[in-house]
N, C-alpha and C. Protein backbone atom coordinates (compact mmCIF):
# COMPACT_ATOMS: atom_id res chain seq x y z
N MET A 1 174.48 -17.79 12.89
CA MET A 1 174.99 -17.31 14.17
C MET A 1 176.29 -18.07 14.48
N PRO A 2 177.35 -17.38 14.91
CA PRO A 2 178.60 -18.06 15.26
C PRO A 2 178.41 -19.02 16.43
N PRO A 3 179.27 -20.03 16.55
CA PRO A 3 179.08 -21.08 17.55
C PRO A 3 179.09 -20.60 19.01
N LEU A 4 179.97 -19.68 19.38
CA LEU A 4 180.05 -19.26 20.78
C LEU A 4 178.79 -18.53 21.24
N PRO A 5 178.29 -17.53 20.52
CA PRO A 5 177.05 -16.89 20.96
C PRO A 5 175.87 -17.86 21.01
N ARG A 6 175.83 -18.76 20.05
CA ARG A 6 174.75 -19.75 20.03
C ARG A 6 174.82 -20.64 21.27
N ALA A 7 176.01 -21.09 21.62
CA ALA A 7 176.20 -21.94 22.80
C ALA A 7 175.82 -21.18 24.07
N LEU A 8 176.18 -19.90 24.14
CA LEU A 8 175.84 -19.11 25.33
C LEU A 8 174.33 -18.91 25.45
N VAL A 9 173.65 -18.70 24.34
CA VAL A 9 172.19 -18.55 24.37
C VAL A 9 171.54 -19.86 24.83
N ILE A 10 172.02 -20.97 24.31
CA ILE A 10 171.46 -22.27 24.71
C ILE A 10 171.73 -22.53 26.18
N LEU A 11 172.94 -22.23 26.65
CA LEU A 11 173.28 -22.41 28.05
C LEU A 11 172.40 -21.53 28.94
N GLY A 12 172.17 -20.31 28.52
CA GLY A 12 171.29 -19.41 29.27
C GLY A 12 169.87 -19.94 29.36
N LEU A 13 169.35 -20.48 28.27
CA LEU A 13 168.01 -21.04 28.28
C LEU A 13 167.93 -22.27 29.18
N VAL A 14 168.98 -23.08 29.19
CA VAL A 14 169.01 -24.25 30.07
C VAL A 14 169.01 -23.81 31.53
N VAL A 15 169.80 -22.81 31.87
CA VAL A 15 169.86 -22.32 33.25
C VAL A 15 168.51 -21.74 33.67
N VAL A 16 167.87 -20.99 32.79
CA VAL A 16 166.54 -20.44 33.10
C VAL A 16 165.54 -21.59 33.29
N GLY A 17 165.60 -22.60 32.44
CA GLY A 17 164.71 -23.75 32.58
C GLY A 17 164.91 -24.48 33.89
N LEU A 18 166.16 -24.68 34.28
CA LEU A 18 166.44 -25.32 35.56
C LEU A 18 165.97 -24.47 36.73
N GLY A 19 166.14 -23.16 36.62
CA GLY A 19 165.66 -22.26 37.67
C GLY A 19 164.16 -22.33 37.84
N ILE A 20 163.44 -22.36 36.74
CA ILE A 20 161.97 -22.46 36.80
C ILE A 20 161.56 -23.81 37.37
N ALA A 21 162.25 -24.88 36.96
CA ALA A 21 161.92 -26.21 37.48
C ALA A 21 162.15 -26.29 38.99
N LEU A 22 163.25 -25.74 39.46
CA LEU A 22 163.51 -25.75 40.91
C LEU A 22 162.55 -24.85 41.67
N TRP A 23 162.09 -23.80 41.04
CA TRP A 23 161.15 -22.90 41.69
C TRP A 23 159.77 -23.57 41.81
N LEU A 24 159.37 -24.29 40.76
CA LEU A 24 158.07 -24.95 40.78
C LEU A 24 158.07 -26.22 41.64
N TRP A 25 159.18 -26.95 41.63
CA TRP A 25 159.29 -28.19 42.40
C TRP A 25 160.50 -28.09 43.32
N PRO A 26 160.35 -27.44 44.50
CA PRO A 26 161.52 -27.23 45.37
C PRO A 26 162.13 -28.53 45.91
N SER A 27 161.34 -29.57 46.02
CA SER A 27 161.90 -30.83 46.54
C SER A 27 162.20 -31.78 45.39
N LEU A 28 162.73 -31.25 44.31
CA LEU A 28 162.99 -32.00 43.09
C LEU A 28 163.99 -33.13 43.34
N GLY A 29 163.48 -34.34 43.50
CA GLY A 29 164.33 -35.51 43.61
C GLY A 29 165.22 -35.58 44.84
N GLY A 30 165.03 -34.75 45.81
CA GLY A 30 165.86 -34.78 46.99
C GLY A 30 167.25 -34.22 46.78
N LEU A 31 167.47 -33.53 45.66
CA LEU A 31 168.79 -32.93 45.44
C LEU A 31 169.08 -31.93 46.55
N GLY A 32 170.26 -32.00 47.07
CA GLY A 32 170.64 -31.13 48.17
C GLY A 32 170.50 -31.79 49.51
N ARG A 33 169.89 -32.96 49.54
CA ARG A 33 169.72 -33.70 50.78
C ARG A 33 170.19 -35.14 50.63
N LEU A 34 171.16 -35.35 49.78
CA LEU A 34 171.66 -36.70 49.54
C LEU A 34 172.66 -37.09 50.62
N PRO A 35 172.82 -38.40 50.86
CA PRO A 35 173.85 -38.85 51.80
C PRO A 35 175.22 -38.42 51.26
N GLY A 36 176.02 -37.86 52.10
CA GLY A 36 177.33 -37.36 51.68
C GLY A 36 177.38 -35.86 51.56
N ASP A 37 176.22 -35.19 51.57
CA ASP A 37 176.18 -33.73 51.60
C ASP A 37 176.40 -33.30 53.05
N LEU A 38 177.38 -32.44 53.25
CA LEU A 38 177.73 -32.01 54.61
C LEU A 38 176.91 -30.80 55.01
N ARG A 39 176.32 -30.88 56.19
CA ARG A 39 175.55 -29.76 56.72
C ARG A 39 175.93 -29.59 58.20
N ILE A 40 176.45 -28.43 58.52
CA ILE A 40 176.83 -28.12 59.90
C ILE A 40 176.02 -26.91 60.33
N GLU A 41 175.22 -27.09 61.38
CA GLU A 41 174.40 -25.99 61.89
C GLU A 41 174.71 -25.80 63.37
N ARG A 42 175.15 -24.61 63.68
CA ARG A 42 175.41 -24.21 65.05
C ARG A 42 174.72 -22.87 65.28
N PRO A 43 174.64 -22.39 66.50
CA PRO A 43 173.89 -21.15 66.75
C PRO A 43 174.27 -19.97 65.84
N ASN A 44 175.54 -19.73 65.62
CA ASN A 44 175.94 -18.59 64.80
C ASN A 44 176.62 -19.00 63.50
N LEU A 45 176.41 -20.23 63.08
CA LEU A 45 177.13 -20.72 61.91
C LEU A 45 176.29 -21.75 61.17
N ARG A 46 176.21 -21.59 59.87
CA ARG A 46 175.58 -22.59 59.00
C ARG A 46 176.52 -22.83 57.82
N VAL A 47 176.93 -24.08 57.66
CA VAL A 47 177.82 -24.44 56.56
C VAL A 47 177.17 -25.61 55.83
N TYR A 48 177.09 -25.49 54.51
CA TYR A 48 176.50 -26.55 53.69
C TYR A 48 177.44 -26.81 52.52
N VAL A 49 177.90 -28.06 52.39
CA VAL A 49 178.81 -28.45 51.32
C VAL A 49 178.16 -29.63 50.58
N PRO A 50 177.55 -29.38 49.42
CA PRO A 50 176.83 -30.45 48.70
C PRO A 50 177.75 -31.32 47.84
N ILE A 51 178.56 -32.14 48.49
CA ILE A 51 179.55 -32.95 47.77
C ILE A 51 178.85 -33.97 46.86
N THR A 52 177.96 -34.77 47.41
CA THR A 52 177.31 -35.82 46.62
C THR A 52 176.41 -35.22 45.54
N THR A 53 175.69 -34.16 45.86
CA THR A 53 174.85 -33.51 44.87
C THR A 53 175.68 -32.99 43.71
N SER A 54 176.85 -32.43 44.00
CA SER A 54 177.74 -31.93 42.95
C SER A 54 178.22 -33.06 42.05
N ILE A 55 178.55 -34.20 42.64
CA ILE A 55 179.01 -35.35 41.86
C ILE A 55 177.89 -35.88 40.97
N VAL A 56 176.67 -35.98 41.51
CA VAL A 56 175.53 -36.48 40.73
C VAL A 56 175.24 -35.53 39.57
N LEU A 57 175.22 -34.23 39.82
CA LEU A 57 174.95 -33.27 38.76
C LEU A 57 176.07 -33.28 37.72
N SER A 58 177.31 -33.44 38.15
CA SER A 58 178.42 -33.51 37.22
C SER A 58 178.30 -34.72 36.31
N LEU A 59 177.96 -35.86 36.87
CA LEU A 59 177.78 -37.07 36.06
C LEU A 59 176.63 -36.91 35.07
N ALA A 60 175.52 -36.32 35.53
CA ALA A 60 174.37 -36.13 34.65
C ALA A 60 174.71 -35.17 33.51
N LEU A 61 175.37 -34.08 33.81
CA LEU A 61 175.73 -33.13 32.76
C LEU A 61 176.78 -33.70 31.81
N SER A 62 177.72 -34.47 32.33
CA SER A 62 178.71 -35.11 31.47
C SER A 62 178.04 -36.09 30.51
N ALA A 63 177.09 -36.86 31.01
CA ALA A 63 176.36 -37.79 30.16
C ALA A 63 175.54 -37.05 29.11
N LEU A 64 174.93 -35.94 29.50
CA LEU A 64 174.14 -35.14 28.56
C LEU A 64 175.02 -34.57 27.45
N PHE A 65 176.15 -34.00 27.82
CA PHE A 65 177.05 -33.43 26.82
C PHE A 65 177.67 -34.51 25.94
N TRP A 66 177.95 -35.67 26.50
CA TRP A 66 178.46 -36.77 25.69
C TRP A 66 177.41 -37.19 24.67
N LEU A 67 176.16 -37.30 25.12
CA LEU A 67 175.09 -37.68 24.22
C LEU A 67 174.90 -36.66 23.11
N ILE A 68 174.96 -35.39 23.45
CA ILE A 68 174.83 -34.34 22.44
C ILE A 68 175.97 -34.42 21.43
N SER A 69 177.18 -34.66 21.91
CA SER A 69 178.33 -34.75 20.99
C SER A 69 178.22 -35.98 20.08
N ARG A 70 177.64 -37.06 20.56
CA ARG A 70 177.47 -38.26 19.74
C ARG A 70 176.40 -38.09 18.68
N LEU A 71 175.41 -37.23 18.93
CA LEU A 71 174.32 -37.02 17.99
C LEU A 71 174.69 -36.07 16.86
N ARG A 72 175.79 -35.35 17.01
CA ARG A 72 176.20 -34.38 15.96
C ARG A 72 176.79 -35.05 14.80
């Protein structure tokens, strides 16, 4: 199988796995409620900006991809 389709299939399986994990454990590690995540709630407005959660997930994924590249 060529590299791009293989990578897309693996990425799809990872996304499905994460979706199932979040569905089974909705309070998974407090993600989405970390200090630094902005939440504004008013009567006709709800705004949520997960800044800290995005940074944590970015660091985790960067470390995972670095580890995968080192193992090749």
